[in-house]
Amino acid sequence: MLKLAVVVVCFSLCGAGTFIVSTPQDEKSQQKTNVMPIKNHKIVRPVWICA
């Protein structure tokens, strides 16, 4: 009986989770960041470490 109760609780939690995820969210609620790409003109040369 306890196993059945645990299974029912797990299925109800999974169902509630899928319902919450499937609800549409406003795009305005997404936070915008002020990130700009930086171009690095320096040439990076590999460093070989020999032991």
C-alpha atoms as a PDB file:
ATOM      1  CA  MET A   1       0.000   0.000   0.000  1.00  0.00           C
ATOM      2  CA  LEU A   2       2.890   2.357   0.808  1.00  0.00           C
ATOM      3  CA  LYS A   3       4.536   1.610  -2.534  1.00  0.00           C
ATOM      4  CA  LEU A   4       1.315   2.487  -4.330  1.00  0.00           C
ATOM      5  CA  ALA A   5       1.083   5.788  -2.460  1.00  0.00           C
ATOM      6  CA  VAL A   6       4.693   6.636  -3.357  1.00  0.00           C
ATOM      7  CA  VAL A   7       4.054   5.853  -7.042  1.00  0.00           C
ATOM      8  CA  VAL A   8       0.917   8.021  -7.073  1.00  0.00           C
ATOM      9  CA  VAL A   9       2.805  10.913  -5.453  1.00  0.00           C
ATOM     10  CA  CYS A  10       5.644  10.622  -7.979  1.00  0.00           C
ATOM     11  CA  PHE A  11       3.257  10.600 -10.938  1.00  0.00           C
ATOM     12  CA  SER A  12       1.372  13.603  -9.587  1.00  0.00           C
ATOM     13  CA  LEU A  13       4.633  15.533  -9.134  1.00  0.00           C
ATOM     14  CA  CYS A  14       5.720  14.661 -12.673  1.00  0.00           C
ATOM     15  CA  GLY A  15       2.342  15.743 -14.039  1.00  0.00           C
ATOM     16  CA  ALA A  16       2.479  19.033 -12.147  1.00  0.00           C
ATOM     17  CA  GLY A  17       6.029  19.648 -13.383  1.00  0.00           C
ATOM     18  CA  THR A  18       5.098  19.086 -17.011  1.00  0.00           C
ATOM     19  CA  PHE A  19       2.089  21.386 -16.617  1.00  0.00           C
ATOM     20  CA  ILE A  20       4.265  24.174 -15.163  1.00  0.00           C
ATOM     21  CA  VAL A  21       6.887  23.805 -17.901  1.00  0.00           C
ATOM     22  CA  SER A  22       4.315  23.769 -20.693  1.00  0.00           C
ATOM     23  CA  THR A  23       2.683  27.062 -19.649  1.00  0.00           C
ATOM     24  CA  PRO A  24       3.770  29.889 -21.993  1.00  0.00           C
ATOM     25  CA  GLN A  25       5.997  32.539 -20.470  1.00  0.00           C
ATOM     26  CA  ASP A  26       6.158  36.191 -21.471  1.00  0.00           C
ATOM     27  CA  GLU A  27       9.246  37.116 -23.464  1.00  0.00           C
ATOM     28  CA  LYS A  28       9.296  40.453 -21.671  1.00  0.00           C
ATOM     29  CA  SER A  29      10.043  38.682 -18.402  1.00  0.00           C
ATOM     30  CA  GLN A  30      13.418  37.519 -19.729  1.00  0.00           C
ATOM     31  CA  GLN A  31      16.229  39.693 -18.464  1.00  0.00           C
ATOM     32  CA  LYS A  32      18.298  41.384 -21.145  1.00  0.00           C
ATOM     33  CA  THR A  33      22.017  41.738 -20.650  1.00  0.00           C
ATOM     34  CA  ASN A  34      24.332  44.397 -22.023  1.00  0.00           C
ATOM     35  CA  VAL A  35      27.007  42.005 -23.253  1.00  0.00           C
ATOM     36  CA  MET A  36      29.129  42.905 -26.248  1.00  0.00           C
ATOM     37  CA  PRO A  37      31.593  40.585 -28.020  1.00  0.00           C
ATOM     38  CA  ILE A  38      35.258  41.563 -27.769  1.00  0.00           C
ATOM     39  CA  LYS A  39      37.640  40.833 -30.620  1.00  0.00           C
ATOM     40  CA  ASN A  40      41.101  39.955 -29.408  1.00  0.00           C
ATOM     41  CA  HIS A  41      43.664  40.783 -32.082  1.00  0.00           C
ATOM     42  CA  LYS A  42      46.625  39.276 -30.198  1.00  0.00           C
ATOM     43  CA  ILE A  43      47.874  35.983 -31.599  1.00  0.00           C
ATOM     44  CA  VAL A  44      47.851  33.273 -28.968  1.00  0.00           C
ATOM     45  CA  ARG A  45      50.712  30.868 -29.451  1.00  0.00           C
ATOM     46  CA  PRO A  46      50.694  27.447 -27.839  1.00  0.00           C
ATOM     47  CA  VAL A  47      53.199  26.830 -25.056  1.00  0.00           C
ATOM     48  CA  TRP A  48      54.814  23.423 -24.985  1.00  0.00           C
ATOM     49  CA  ILE A  49      55.899  22.083 -21.624  1.00  0.00           C
ATOM     50  CA  CYS A  50      58.626  19.439 -21.827  1.00  0.00           C
ATOM     51  CA  ALA A  51      59.553  17.450 -18.785  1.00  0.00           C
END
